[in-house]
């Protein structure tokens, strides 16, 4: 496994590996797994998916400062380089790209990539500028690595929708692969930020996956269930946690992320919907979601 510390190095290693594959008689495909490090089994699942379909697997580890807002956790975002490298090597990654902030942003950034409308809701509404930072750094990574495919976790479903739209709009020849959410045995979605949770906060955070499972169960039992019913039951269930502070508990079309009127009967929809949550436990903000097609009652599409 190669570890590239700057842009020139990662380009060099990718070029060499492509040439080696070419000499062996085939054109190599490159799969990119963008991460902010502090890797866990969810990231490992992305690497394994990339290995299945790509000749060369590159992961990036970069805590991107321009996607953090004021008073967010950029400085304290968890980092553990040696642990990350060990996990990447165990999963058979070919190249780890670990640039410094000064390498990615040598001068103040005057160019930003903005995806309109999809970023106006959910995390985009509560974290202004966040998705500009995400789409800008992902564009930079795509230009540096030049992957054939990029792999993202479905837990950040809005991010997946934004990146897919960006790739379409800018005619990027890259396949965006959304991979299922990976959960602990008790249902908590894996996240690098879980390390912030106290034992009590972690226990209370199980209300997120429990709420999503409840919605799917009610969909099977109540054909006349409306979007308003879902919003009300989410807030009621999450409210059973004495420390949960709801940022949003929403149901929308997916991937368009269009709001549904309260009286819309979900079974009558022919498109997929997302039930999306963002809730704070103490100082830690967690997100979770499930995506399904209501008319199929409910066949889960991006959820594990």
C-alpha atoms as a PDB file:
ATOM      1  CA  UNK A   1       0.000   0.000   0.000  1.00  0.00           C
ATOM      2  CA  UNK A   2       1.303   3.421  -0.979  1.00  0.00           C
ATOM      3  CA  UNK A   3       0.755   6.503   1.174  1.00  0.00           C
ATOM      4  CA  UNK A   4       0.726   9.760  -0.786  1.00  0.00           C
ATOM      5  CA  UNK A   5       1.152  12.929   1.244  1.00  0.00           C
ATOM      6  CA  UNK A   6       0.601  15.444  -1.542  1.00  0.00           C
ATOM      7  CA  UNK A   7      -1.090  15.834  -4.919  1.00  0.00           C
ATOM      8  CA  UNK A   8       2.028  15.165  -6.994  1.00  0.00           C
ATOM      9  CA  UNK A   9       2.660  11.882  -5.175  1.00  0.00           C
ATOM     10  CA  UNK A  10      -0.845  10.507  -5.566  1.00  0.00           C
ATOM     11  CA  UNK A  11      -0.881  11.356  -9.265  1.00  0.00           C
ATOM     12  CA  UNK A  12       2.477   9.646  -9.683  1.00  0.00           C
ATOM     13  CA  UNK A  13       1.394   6.462  -7.909  1.00  0.00           C
ATOM     14  CA  UNK A  14      -1.879   6.254  -9.852  1.00  0.00           C
ATOM     15  CA  UNK A  15      -0.033   6.747 -13.140  1.00  0.00           C
ATOM     16  CA  UNK A  16       2.437   3.989 -12.280  1.00  0.00           C
ATOM     17  CA  UNK A  17      -0.279   1.532 -11.279  1.00  0.00           C
ATOM     18  CA  UNK A  18      -2.264   2.294 -14.435  1.00  0.00           C
ATOM     19  CA  UNK A  19       0.852   1.665 -16.518  1.00  0.00           C
ATOM     20  CA  UNK A  20       1.469  -1.643 -14.766  1.00  0.00           C
ATOM     21  CA  UNK A  21      -2.061  -2.793 -15.553  1.00  0.00           C
ATOM     22  CA  UNK A  22      -1.685  -1.619 -19.133  1.00  0.00           C
ATOM     23  CA  UNK A  23       1.515  -3.626 -19.559  1.00  0.00           C
ATOM     24  CA  UNK A  24      -0.310  -6.646 -18.211  1.00  0.00           C
ATOM     25  CA  UNK A  25      -2.786  -6.318 -21.052  1.00  0.00           C
ATOM     26  CA  UNK A  26      -5.702  -4.281 -19.745  1.00  0.00           C
ATOM     27  CA  UNK A  27      -6.848  -0.758 -18.982  1.00  0.00           C
ATOM     28  CA  UNK A  28      -7.110  -0.241 -15.232  1.00  0.00           C
ATOM     29  CA  UNK A  29     -10.170   1.215 -13.528  1.00  0.00           C
ATOM     30  CA  UNK A  30      -9.743   3.427 -10.468  1.00  0.00           C
ATOM     31  CA  UNK A  31     -12.177   3.500  -7.558  1.00  0.00           C
ATOM     32  CA  UNK A  32     -12.073   6.379  -5.068  1.00  0.00           C
ATOM     33  CA  UNK A  33     -13.393   6.301  -1.499  1.00  0.00           C
ATOM     34  CA  UNK A  34     -13.371   9.874  -0.131  1.00  0.00           C
ATOM     35  CA  UNK A  35     -13.237  10.008   3.683  1.00  0.00           C
ATOM     36  CA  UNK A  36     -12.376  12.350   6.519  1.00  0.00           C
ATOM     37  CA  UNK A  37     -10.572   9.588   8.363  1.00  0.00           C
ATOM     38  CA  UNK A  38     -11.127   8.039  11.785  1.00  0.00           C
ATOM     39  CA  UNK A  39     -12.173   5.028   9.760  1.00  0.00           C
ATOM     40  CA  UNK A  40     -14.672   2.415  10.906  1.00  0.00           C
ATOM     41  CA  UNK A  41     -16.448  -0.631   9.482  1.00  0.00           C
ATOM     42  CA  UNK A  42     -18.721   1.610   7.425  1.00  0.00           C
ATOM     43  CA  UNK A  43     -15.699   2.980   5.575  1.00  0.00           C
ATOM     44  CA  UNK A  44     -14.321  -0.548   5.274  1.00  0.00           C
ATOM     45  CA  UNK A  45     -17.523  -1.631   3.522  1.00  0.00           C
ATOM     46  CA  UNK A  46     -16.951   1.119   0.932  1.00  0.00           C
ATOM     47  CA  UNK A  47     -13.408  -0.095   0.352  1.00  0.00           C
ATOM     48  CA  UNK A  48     -14.621  -3.669  -0.092  1.00  0.00           C
ATOM     49  CA  UNK A  49     -17.247  -2.524  -2.607  1.00  0.00           C
ATOM     50  CA  UNK A  50     -14.576  -0.552  -4.487  1.00  0.00           C
ATOM     51  CA  UNK A  51     -12.305  -3.607  -4.532  1.00  0.00           C
ATOM     52  CA  UNK A  52     -15.070  -5.652  -6.156  1.00  0.00           C
ATOM     53  CA  UNK A  53     -15.369  -3.368  -9.171  1.00  0.00           C
ATOM     54  CA  UNK A  54     -12.067  -1.461  -9.457  1.00  0.00           C
ATOM     55  CA  UNK A  55      -8.545  -2.518 -10.369  1.00  0.00           C
ATOM     56  CA  UNK A  56      -6.975   0.247  -8.289  1.00  0.00           C
ATOM     57  CA  UNK A  57      -8.541   1.460  -5.026  1.00  0.00           C
ATOM     58  CA  UNK A  58      -7.639   4.896  -3.703  1.00  0.00           C
ATOM     59  CA  UNK A  59      -8.960   6.301  -0.453  1.00  0.00           C
ATOM     60  CA  UNK A  60      -8.553   9.910   0.563  1.00  0.00           C
ATOM     61  CA  UNK A  61      -8.244  10.936   4.199  1.00  0.00           C
ATOM     62  CA  UNK A  62      -8.753  14.664   4.516  1.00  0.00           C
ATOM     63  CA  UNK A  63     -10.649  16.653   7.129  1.00  0.00           C
ATOM     64  CA  UNK A  64     -11.935  19.363   4.831  1.00  0.00           C
ATOM     65  CA  UNK A  65     -11.996  22.739   6.607  1.00  0.00           C
ATOM     66  CA  UNK A  66     -14.285  24.502   4.139  1.00  0.00           C
ATOM     67  CA  UNK A  67     -17.249  22.228   4.874  1.00  0.00           C
ATOM     68  CA  UNK A  68     -17.234  23.111   8.584  1.00  0.00           C
ATOM     69  CA  UNK A  69     -19.145  26.166   9.742  1.00  0.00           C
ATOM     70  CA  UNK A  70     -18.396  28.499  12.655  1.00  0.00           C
ATOM     71  CA  UNK A  71     -18.535  26.740  16.023  1.00  0.00           C
ATOM     72  CA  UNK A  72     -18.494  23.302  14.385  1.00  0.00           C
ATOM     73  CA  UNK A  73     -16.041  20.568  15.291  1.00  0.00           C
ATOM     74  CA  UNK A  74     -13.202  20.934  12.746  1.00  0.00           C
ATOM     75  CA  UNK A  75     -10.438  21.249  15.338  1.00  0.00           C
ATOM     76  CA  UNK A  76     -11.717  18.413  17.520  1.00  0.00           C
ATOM     77  CA  UNK A  77     -12.853  16.134  14.702  1.00  0.00           C
ATOM     78  CA  UNK A  78     -11.372  12.729  15.632  1.00  0.00           C
ATOM     79  CA  UNK A  79      -8.128  11.767  13.913  1.00  0.00           C
ATOM     80  CA  UNK A  80      -6.005   8.613  14.188  1.00  0.00           C
ATOM     81  CA  UNK A  81      -3.592   8.206  11.288  1.00  0.00           C
ATOM     82  CA  UNK A  82      -1.978   4.921  12.315  1.00  0.00           C
ATOM     83  CA  UNK A  83      -5.336   3.255  12.980  1.00  0.00           C
ATOM     84  CA  UNK A  84      -6.650   4.499   9.618  1.00  0.00           C
ATOM     85  CA  UNK A  85      -3.634   3.215   7.701  1.00  0.00           C
ATOM     86  CA  UNK A  86      -3.859  -0.186   9.380  1.00  0.00           C
ATOM     87  CA  UNK A  87      -7.546  -0.523   8.438  1.00  0.00           C
ATOM     88  CA  UNK A  88      -6.891   0.570   4.841  1.00  0.00           C
ATOM     89  CA  UNK A  89      -4.051  -1.915   4.463  1.00  0.00           C
ATOM     90  CA  UNK A  90      -6.181  -4.692   5.925  1.00  0.00           C
ATOM     91  CA  UNK A  91      -8.841  -3.980   3.303  1.00  0.00           C
ATOM     92  CA  UNK A  92      -6.341  -4.154   0.447  1.00  0.00           C
ATOM     93  CA  UNK A  93      -6.335  -0.474  -0.512  1.00  0.00           C
ATOM     94  CA  UNK A  94      -3.686   0.395  -3.094  1.00  0.00           C
ATOM     95  CA  UNK A  95      -3.146   4.089  -2.331  1.00  0.00           C
ATOM     96  CA  UNK A  96      -4.031   6.277   0.642  1.00  0.00           C
ATOM     97  CA  UNK A  97      -4.070   9.977  -0.213  1.00  0.00           C
ATOM     98  CA  UNK A  98      -3.475  12.050   2.937  1.00  0.00           C
ATOM     99  CA  UNK A  99      -2.835  15.646   1.853  1.00  0.00           C
ATOM    100  CA  UNK A 100      -2.243  18.584   4.176  1.00  0.00           C
ATOM    101  CA  UNK A 101      -4.668  21.492   4.159  1.00  0.00           C
ATOM    102  CA  UNK A 102      -1.881  23.635   2.678  1.00  0.00           C
ATOM    103  CA  UNK A 103      -1.590  21.252  -0.260  1.00  0.00           C
ATOM    104  CA  UNK A 104      -5.306  21.195  -1.029  1.00  0.00           C
ATOM    105  CA  UNK A 105      -5.764  24.918  -0.431  1.00  0.00           C
ATOM    106  CA  UNK A 106      -2.383  26.632  -0.982  1.00  0.00           C
ATOM    107  CA  UNK A 107      -4.132  29.987  -1.391  1.00  0.00           C
ATOM    108  CA  UNK A 108      -7.560  31.198  -0.255  1.00  0.00           C
ATOM    109  CA  UNK A 109     -10.144  29.431  -2.419  1.00  0.00           C
ATOM    110  CA  UNK A 110     -11.804  31.784  -4.901  1.00  0.00           C
ATOM    111  CA  UNK A 111     -13.687  29.045  -6.731  1.00  0.00           C
ATOM    112  CA  UNK A 112     -16.527  27.130  -5.112  1.00  0.00           C
ATOM    113  CA  UNK A 113     -18.839  24.494  -6.568  1.00  0.00           C
ATOM    114  CA  UNK A 114     -22.472  25.039  -5.620  1.00  0.00           C
ATOM    115  CA  UNK A 115     -25.354  22.671  -6.275  1.00  0.00           C
ATOM    116  CA  UNK A 116     -28.604  24.613  -5.999  1.00  0.00           C
ATOM    117  CA  UNK A 117     -31.962  23.512  -4.557  1.00  0.00           C
ATOM    118  CA  UNK A 118     -30.845  20.096  -3.280  1.00  0.00           C
ATOM    119  CA  UNK A 119     -28.776  21.899  -0.648  1.00  0.00           C
ATOM    120  CA  UNK A 120     -31.606  24.133   0.613  1.00  0.00           C
ATOM    121  CA  UNK A 121     -33.110  21.510   2.933  1.00  0.00           C
ATOM    122  CA  UNK A 122     -32.125  19.060   5.687  1.00  0.00           C
ATOM    123  CA  UNK A 123     -28.419  19.460   6.570  1.00  0.00           C
ATOM    124  CA  UNK A 124     -28.064  22.216   3.997  1.00  0.00           C
ATOM    125  CA  UNK A 125     -30.610  24.349   5.828  1.00  0.00           C
ATOM    126  CA  UNK A 126     -29.050  23.888   9.257  1.00  0.00           C
ATOM    127  CA  UNK A 127     -25.414  24.025   8.072  1.00  0.00           C
ATOM    128  CA  UNK A 128     -25.217  26.916   5.568  1.00  0.00           C
ATOM    129  CA  UNK A 129     -22.281  26.565   3.193  1.00  0.00           C
ATOM    130  CA  UNK A 130     -21.603  22.960   4.202  1.00  0.00           C
ATOM    131  CA  UNK A 131     -22.435  21.435   0.842  1.00  0.00           C
ATOM    132  CA  UNK A 132     -20.500  24.101  -1.060  1.00  0.00           C
ATOM    133  CA  UNK A 133     -17.479  22.864   0.873  1.00  0.00           C
ATOM    134  CA  UNK A 134     -18.345  19.228   0.170  1.00  0.00           C
ATOM    135  CA  UNK A 135     -18.941  19.661  -3.559  1.00  0.00           C
ATOM    136  CA  UNK A 136     -15.818  21.809  -3.915  1.00  0.00           C
ATOM    137  CA  UNK A 137     -13.477  19.331  -2.212  1.00  0.00           C
ATOM    138  CA  UNK A 138     -15.033  16.352  -3.998  1.00  0.00           C
ATOM    139  CA  UNK A 139     -14.540  18.108  -7.326  1.00  0.00           C
ATOM    140  CA  UNK A 140     -10.898  18.678  -6.406  1.00  0.00           C
ATOM    141  CA  UNK A 141     -10.480  15.024  -5.450  1.00  0.00           C
ATOM    142  CA  UNK A 142     -12.092  13.917  -8.718  1.00  0.00           C
ATOM    143  CA  UNK A 143      -9.723  16.164 -10.685  1.00  0.00           C
ATOM    144  CA  UNK A 144      -6.691  14.886  -8.757  1.00  0.00           C
ATOM    145  CA  UNK A 145      -7.451  11.157  -8.728  1.00  0.00           C
ATOM    146  CA  UNK A 146      -9.516  10.948 -11.950  1.00  0.00           C
ATOM    147  CA  UNK A 147     -11.489   7.910 -10.763  1.00  0.00           C
ATOM    148  CA  UNK A 148     -13.854   5.842 -12.853  1.00  0.00           C
ATOM    149  CA  UNK A 149     -16.110   5.360  -9.825  1.00  0.00           C
ATOM    150  CA  UNK A 150     -16.472   6.950  -6.401  1.00  0.00           C
ATOM    151  CA  UNK A 151     -18.052   5.264  -3.384  1.00  0.00           C
ATOM    152  CA  UNK A 152     -20.111   7.046  -0.728  1.00  0.00           C
ATOM    153  CA  UNK A 153     -22.067   5.845   2.300  1.00  0.00           C
ATOM    154  CA  UNK A 154     -25.847   6.160   2.158  1.00  0.00           C
ATOM    155  CA  UNK A 155     -25.957   7.497   5.723  1.00  0.00           C
ATOM    156  CA  UNK A 156     -25.120  10.886   4.177  1.00  0.00           C
ATOM    157  CA  UNK A 157     -27.954  10.504   1.674  1.00  0.00           C
ATOM    158  CA  UNK A 158     -28.238  14.219   0.938  1.00  0.00           C
ATOM    159  CA  UNK A 159     -24.533  14.283   0.151  1.00  0.00           C
ATOM    160  CA  UNK A 160     -25.013  11.380  -2.272  1.00  0.00           C
ATOM    161  CA  UNK A 161     -27.867  13.216  -4.013  1.00  0.00           C
ATOM    162  CA  UNK A 162     -25.801  16.411  -4.261  1.00  0.00           C
ATOM    163  CA  UNK A 163     -22.719  14.664  -5.656  1.00  0.00           C
ATOM    164  CA  UNK A 164     -24.767  12.698  -8.184  1.00  0.00           C
ATOM    165  CA  UNK A 165     -26.416  15.901  -9.400  1.00  0.00           C
ATOM    166  CA  UNK A 166     -23.048  17.661  -9.619  1.00  0.00           C
ATOM    167  CA  UNK A 167     -21.607  14.820 -11.714  1.00  0.00           C
ATOM    168  CA  UNK A 168     -24.585  14.960 -14.074  1.00  0.00           C
ATOM    169  CA  UNK A 169     -24.577  18.741 -14.411  1.00  0.00           C
ATOM    170  CA  UNK A 170     -20.821  19.025 -14.989  1.00  0.00           C
ATOM    171  CA  UNK A 171     -20.619  16.017 -17.338  1.00  0.00           C
ATOM    172  CA  UNK A 172     -18.137  14.189 -15.140  1.00  0.00           C
ATOM    173  CA  UNK A 173     -17.513  10.678 -16.427  1.00  0.00           C
ATOM    174  CA  UNK A 174     -17.641   9.092 -12.974  1.00  0.00           C
ATOM    175  CA  UNK A 175     -19.997   6.470 -11.585  1.00  0.00           C
ATOM    176  CA  UNK A 176     -21.267   7.484  -8.130  1.00  0.00           C
ATOM    177  CA  UNK A 177     -21.981   4.383  -6.051  1.00  0.00           C
ATOM    178  CA  UNK A 178     -24.101   4.704  -2.902  1.00  0.00           C
ATOM    179  CA  UNK A 179     -23.387   1.887  -0.439  1.00  0.00           C
ATOM    180  CA  UNK A 180     -25.752   0.714   2.333  1.00  0.00           C
ATOM    181  CA  UNK A 181     -25.618   2.107   5.856  1.00  0.00           C
ATOM    182  CA  UNK A 182     -23.589  -0.068   8.223  1.00  0.00           C
ATOM    183  CA  UNK A 183     -24.948  -0.392  11.754  1.00  0.00           C
ATOM    184  CA  UNK A 184     -23.901  -1.697  15.127  1.00  0.00           C
ATOM    185  CA  UNK A 185     -25.713  -4.819  16.317  1.00  0.00           C
ATOM    186  CA  UNK A 186     -28.138  -2.625  18.290  1.00  0.00           C
ATOM    187  CA  UNK A 187     -28.996  -0.490  15.242  1.00  0.00           C
ATOM    188  CA  UNK A 188     -26.848   2.618  15.744  1.00  0.00           C
ATOM    189  CA  UNK A 189     -25.500   3.805  12.395  1.00  0.00           C
ATOM    190  CA  UNK A 190     -21.699   3.848  12.342  1.00  0.00           C
ATOM    191  CA  UNK A 191     -20.203   7.337  12.403  1.00  0.00           C
ATOM    192  CA  UNK A 192     -16.812   8.786  13.259  1.00  0.00           C
ATOM    193  CA  UNK A 193     -18.657  11.159  15.583  1.00  0.00           C
ATOM    194  CA  UNK A 194     -20.019   8.284  17.707  1.00  0.00           C
ATOM    195  CA  UNK A 195     -16.770   8.481  19.669  1.00  0.00           C
ATOM    196  CA  UNK A 196     -18.025  11.742  21.181  1.00  0.00           C
ATOM    197  CA  UNK A 197     -21.033  10.065  22.810  1.00  0.00           C
ATOM    198  CA  UNK A 198     -21.127   9.274  26.500  1.00  0.00           C
ATOM    199  CA  UNK A 199     -22.573   5.896  27.483  1.00  0.00           C
ATOM    200  CA  UNK A 200     -25.930   7.531  28.262  1.00  0.00           C
ATOM    201  CA  UNK A 201     -25.969   9.531  25.026  1.00  0.00           C
ATOM    202  CA  UNK A 202     -25.145   6.457  22.985  1.00  0.00           C
ATOM    203  CA  UNK A 203     -27.950   4.521  24.631  1.00  0.00           C
ATOM    204  CA  UNK A 204     -30.417   7.325  23.946  1.00  0.00           C
ATOM    205  CA  UNK A 205     -29.223   7.656  20.329  1.00  0.00           C
ATOM    206  CA  UNK A 206     -30.792   4.274  19.544  1.00  0.00           C
ATOM    207  CA  UNK A 207     -34.070   6.168  19.245  1.00  0.00           C
ATOM    208  CA  UNK A 208     -32.968   7.136  15.715  1.00  0.00           C
ATOM    209  CA  UNK A 209     -32.896   3.653  14.208  1.00  0.00           C
ATOM    210  CA  UNK A 210     -35.905   2.694  16.315  1.00  0.00           C
ATOM    211  CA  UNK A 211     -37.891   5.594  14.808  1.00  0.00           C
ATOM    212  CA  UNK A 212     -36.975   4.590  11.265  1.00  0.00           C
ATOM    213  CA  UNK A 213     -37.978   0.981  11.853  1.00  0.00           C
ATOM    214  CA  UNK A 214     -41.270   2.176  13.329  1.00  0.00           C
ATOM    215  CA  UNK A 215     -42.056   4.169  10.168  1.00  0.00           C
ATOM    216  CA  UNK A 216     -41.444   1.127   7.962  1.00  0.00           C
ATOM    217  CA  UNK A 217     -43.653  -1.013  10.187  1.00  0.00           C
ATOM    218  CA  UNK A 218     -46.483   1.542  10.147  1.00  0.00           C
ATOM    219  CA  UNK A 219     -46.221   1.743   6.353  1.00  0.00           C
ATOM    220  CA  UNK A 220     -47.047  -1.959   6.182  1.00  0.00           C
ATOM    221  CA  UNK A 221     -49.903  -1.692   8.661  1.00  0.00           C
ATOM    222  CA  UNK A 222     -51.577   1.578   7.606  1.00  0.00           C
ATOM    223  CA  UNK A 223     -52.301   2.026   3.865  1.00  0.00           C
ATOM    224  CA  UNK A 224     -53.616   5.560   4.444  1.00  0.00           C
ATOM    225  CA  UNK A 225     -50.472   6.789   6.233  1.00  0.00           C
ATOM    226  CA  UNK A 226     -49.636  10.376   5.254  1.00  0.00           C
ATOM    227  CA  UNK A 227     -46.445  12.415   5.262  1.00  0.00           C
ATOM    228  CA  UNK A 228     -47.856  14.390   8.185  1.00  0.00           C
ATOM    229  CA  UNK A 229     -48.450  11.175  10.117  1.00  0.00           C
ATOM    230  CA  UNK A 230     -44.810  10.213   9.614  1.00  0.00           C
ATOM    231  CA  UNK A 231     -43.522  13.586  10.792  1.00  0.00           C
ATOM    232  CA  UNK A 232     -45.705  13.430  13.883  1.00  0.00           C
ATOM    233  CA  UNK A 233     -44.715   9.884  14.818  1.00  0.00           C
ATOM    234  CA  UNK A 234     -41.017  10.658  14.330  1.00  0.00           C
ATOM    235  CA  UNK A 235     -41.171  13.654  16.649  1.00  0.00           C
ATOM    236  CA  UNK A 236     -43.213  11.737  19.205  1.00  0.00           C
ATOM    237  CA  UNK A 237     -40.867   8.763  19.221  1.00  0.00           C
ATOM    238  CA  UNK A 238     -37.680  10.842  19.302  1.00  0.00           C
ATOM    239  CA  UNK A 239     -39.274  12.886  22.067  1.00  0.00           C
ATOM    240  CA  UNK A 240     -39.219   9.804  24.300  1.00  0.00           C
ATOM    241  CA  UNK A 241     -35.499  10.497  24.695  1.00  0.00           C
ATOM    242  CA  UNK A 242     -35.018  13.030  27.476  1.00  0.00           C
ATOM    243  CA  UNK A 243     -31.852  14.458  25.928  1.00  0.00           C
ATOM    244  CA  UNK A 244     -32.605  14.375  22.195  1.00  0.00           C
ATOM    245  CA  UNK A 245     -32.773  17.767  20.464  1.00  0.00           C
ATOM    246  CA  UNK A 246     -34.272  17.480  16.983  1.00  0.00           C
ATOM    247  CA  UNK A 247     -32.680  19.421  14.140  1.00  0.00           C
ATOM    248  CA  UNK A 248     -34.992  17.816  11.602  1.00  0.00           C
ATOM    249  CA  UNK A 249     -37.230  14.755  11.317  1.00  0.00           C
ATOM    250  CA  UNK A 250     -38.470  14.845   7.745  1.00  0.00           C
ATOM    251  CA  UNK A 251     -39.907  12.835   4.873  1.00  0.00           C
ATOM    252  CA  UNK A 252     -39.213  13.993   1.308  1.00  0.00           C
ATOM    253  CA  UNK A 253     -38.970  12.686  -2.234  1.00  0.00           C
ATOM    254  CA  UNK A 254     -35.612  11.163  -3.133  1.00  0.00           C
ATOM    255  CA  UNK A 255     -33.305  12.066  -4.760  1.00  0.00           C
ATOM    256  CA  UNK A 256     -35.116  15.311  -5.598  1.00  0.00           C
ATOM    257  CA  UNK A 257     -35.431  16.224  -1.884  1.00  0.00           C
ATOM    258  CA  UNK A 258     -38.775  17.916  -2.430  1.00  0.00           C
ATOM    259  CA  UNK A 259     -41.010  18.420   0.585  1.00  0.00           C
ATOM    260  CA  UNK A 260     -44.255  16.460   0.801  1.00  0.00           C
ATOM    261  CA  UNK A 261     -47.458  18.129   1.971  1.00  0.00           C
ATOM    262  CA  UNK A 262     -48.796  16.709   5.227  1.00  0.00           C
ATOM    263  CA  UNK A 263     -51.902  15.251   3.543  1.00  0.00           C
ATOM    264  CA  UNK A 264     -50.015  13.270   0.893  1.00  0.00           C
ATOM    265  CA  UNK A 265     -50.848   9.563   1.197  1.00  0.00           C
ATOM    266  CA  UNK A 266     -47.517   7.799   0.886  1.00  0.00           C
ATOM    267  CA  UNK A 267     -48.841   4.604  -0.734  1.00  0.00           C
ATOM    268  CA  UNK A 268     -50.020   6.732  -3.678  1.00  0.00           C
ATOM    269  CA  UNK A 269     -46.489   7.871  -4.512  1.00  0.00           C
ATOM    270  CA  UNK A 270     -44.637   6.127  -7.330  1.00  0.00           C
ATOM    271  CA  UNK A 271     -41.218   7.554  -6.441  1.00  0.00           C
ATOM    272  CA  UNK A 272     -38.797   6.819  -3.628  1.00  0.00           C
ATOM    273  CA  UNK A 273     -38.940   8.799  -0.408  1.00  0.00           C
ATOM    274  CA  UNK A 274     -36.374   9.461   2.273  1.00  0.00           C
ATOM    275  CA  UNK A 275     -37.133   9.566   5.965  1.00  0.00           C
ATOM    276  CA  UNK A 276     -34.246  11.634   7.305  1.00  0.00           C
ATOM    277  CA  UNK A 277     -33.211  12.519  10.847  1.00  0.00           C
ATOM    278  CA  UNK A 278     -30.683  14.874  12.401  1.00  0.00           C
ATOM    279  CA  UNK A 279     -30.690  14.929  16.193  1.00  0.00           C
ATOM    280  CA  UNK A 280     -28.278  16.192  18.832  1.00  0.00           C
ATOM    281  CA  UNK A 281     -27.370  14.139  21.875  1.00  0.00           C
ATOM    282  CA  UNK A 282     -25.332  16.358  24.147  1.00  0.00           C
ATOM    283  CA  UNK A 283     -22.888  18.164  21.842  1.00  0.00           C
ATOM    284  CA  UNK A 284     -22.982  15.458  19.172  1.00  0.00           C
ATOM    285  CA  UNK A 285     -25.194  15.791  16.119  1.00  0.00           C
ATOM    286  CA  UNK A 286     -26.089  12.473  14.481  1.00  0.00           C
ATOM    287  CA  UNK A 287     -27.857  11.789  11.198  1.00  0.00           C
ATOM    288  CA  UNK A 288     -29.684   8.704   9.983  1.00  0.00           C
ATOM    289  CA  UNK A 289     -32.160   7.824   7.256  1.00  0.00           C
ATOM    290  CA  UNK A 290     -34.039   5.178   5.363  1.00  0.00           C
ATOM    291  CA  UNK A 291     -35.052   5.315   1.700  1.00  0.00           C
ATOM    292  CA  UNK A 292     -37.839   3.232   0.198  1.00  0.00           C
ATOM    293  CA  UNK A 293     -40.609   3.200  -2.363  1.00  0.00           C
ATOM    294  CA  UNK A 294     -43.939   3.451  -0.492  1.00  0.00           C
ATOM    295  CA  UNK A 295     -45.938   1.706  -3.219  1.00  0.00           C
ATOM    296  CA  UNK A 296     -43.842  -1.417  -2.648  1.00  0.00           C
ATOM    297  CA  UNK A 297     -44.738  -1.364   1.065  1.00  0.00           C
ATOM    298  CA  UNK A 298     -41.900  -0.928   1.758  1.00  0.00           C
ATOM    299  CA  UNK A 299     -38.995  -2.372  -0.174  1.00  0.00           C
ATOM    300  CA  UNK A 300     -35.951  -0.763   1.394  1.00  0.00           C
ATOM    301  CA  UNK A 301     -33.655   0.598  -1.297  1.00  0.00           C
ATOM    302  CA  UNK A 302     -30.762   2.186   0.565  1.00  0.00           C
ATOM    303  CA  UNK A 303     -30.772   0.981   4.148  1.00  0.00           C
ATOM    304  CA  UNK A 304     -29.062  -1.684   6.176  1.00  0.00           C
END
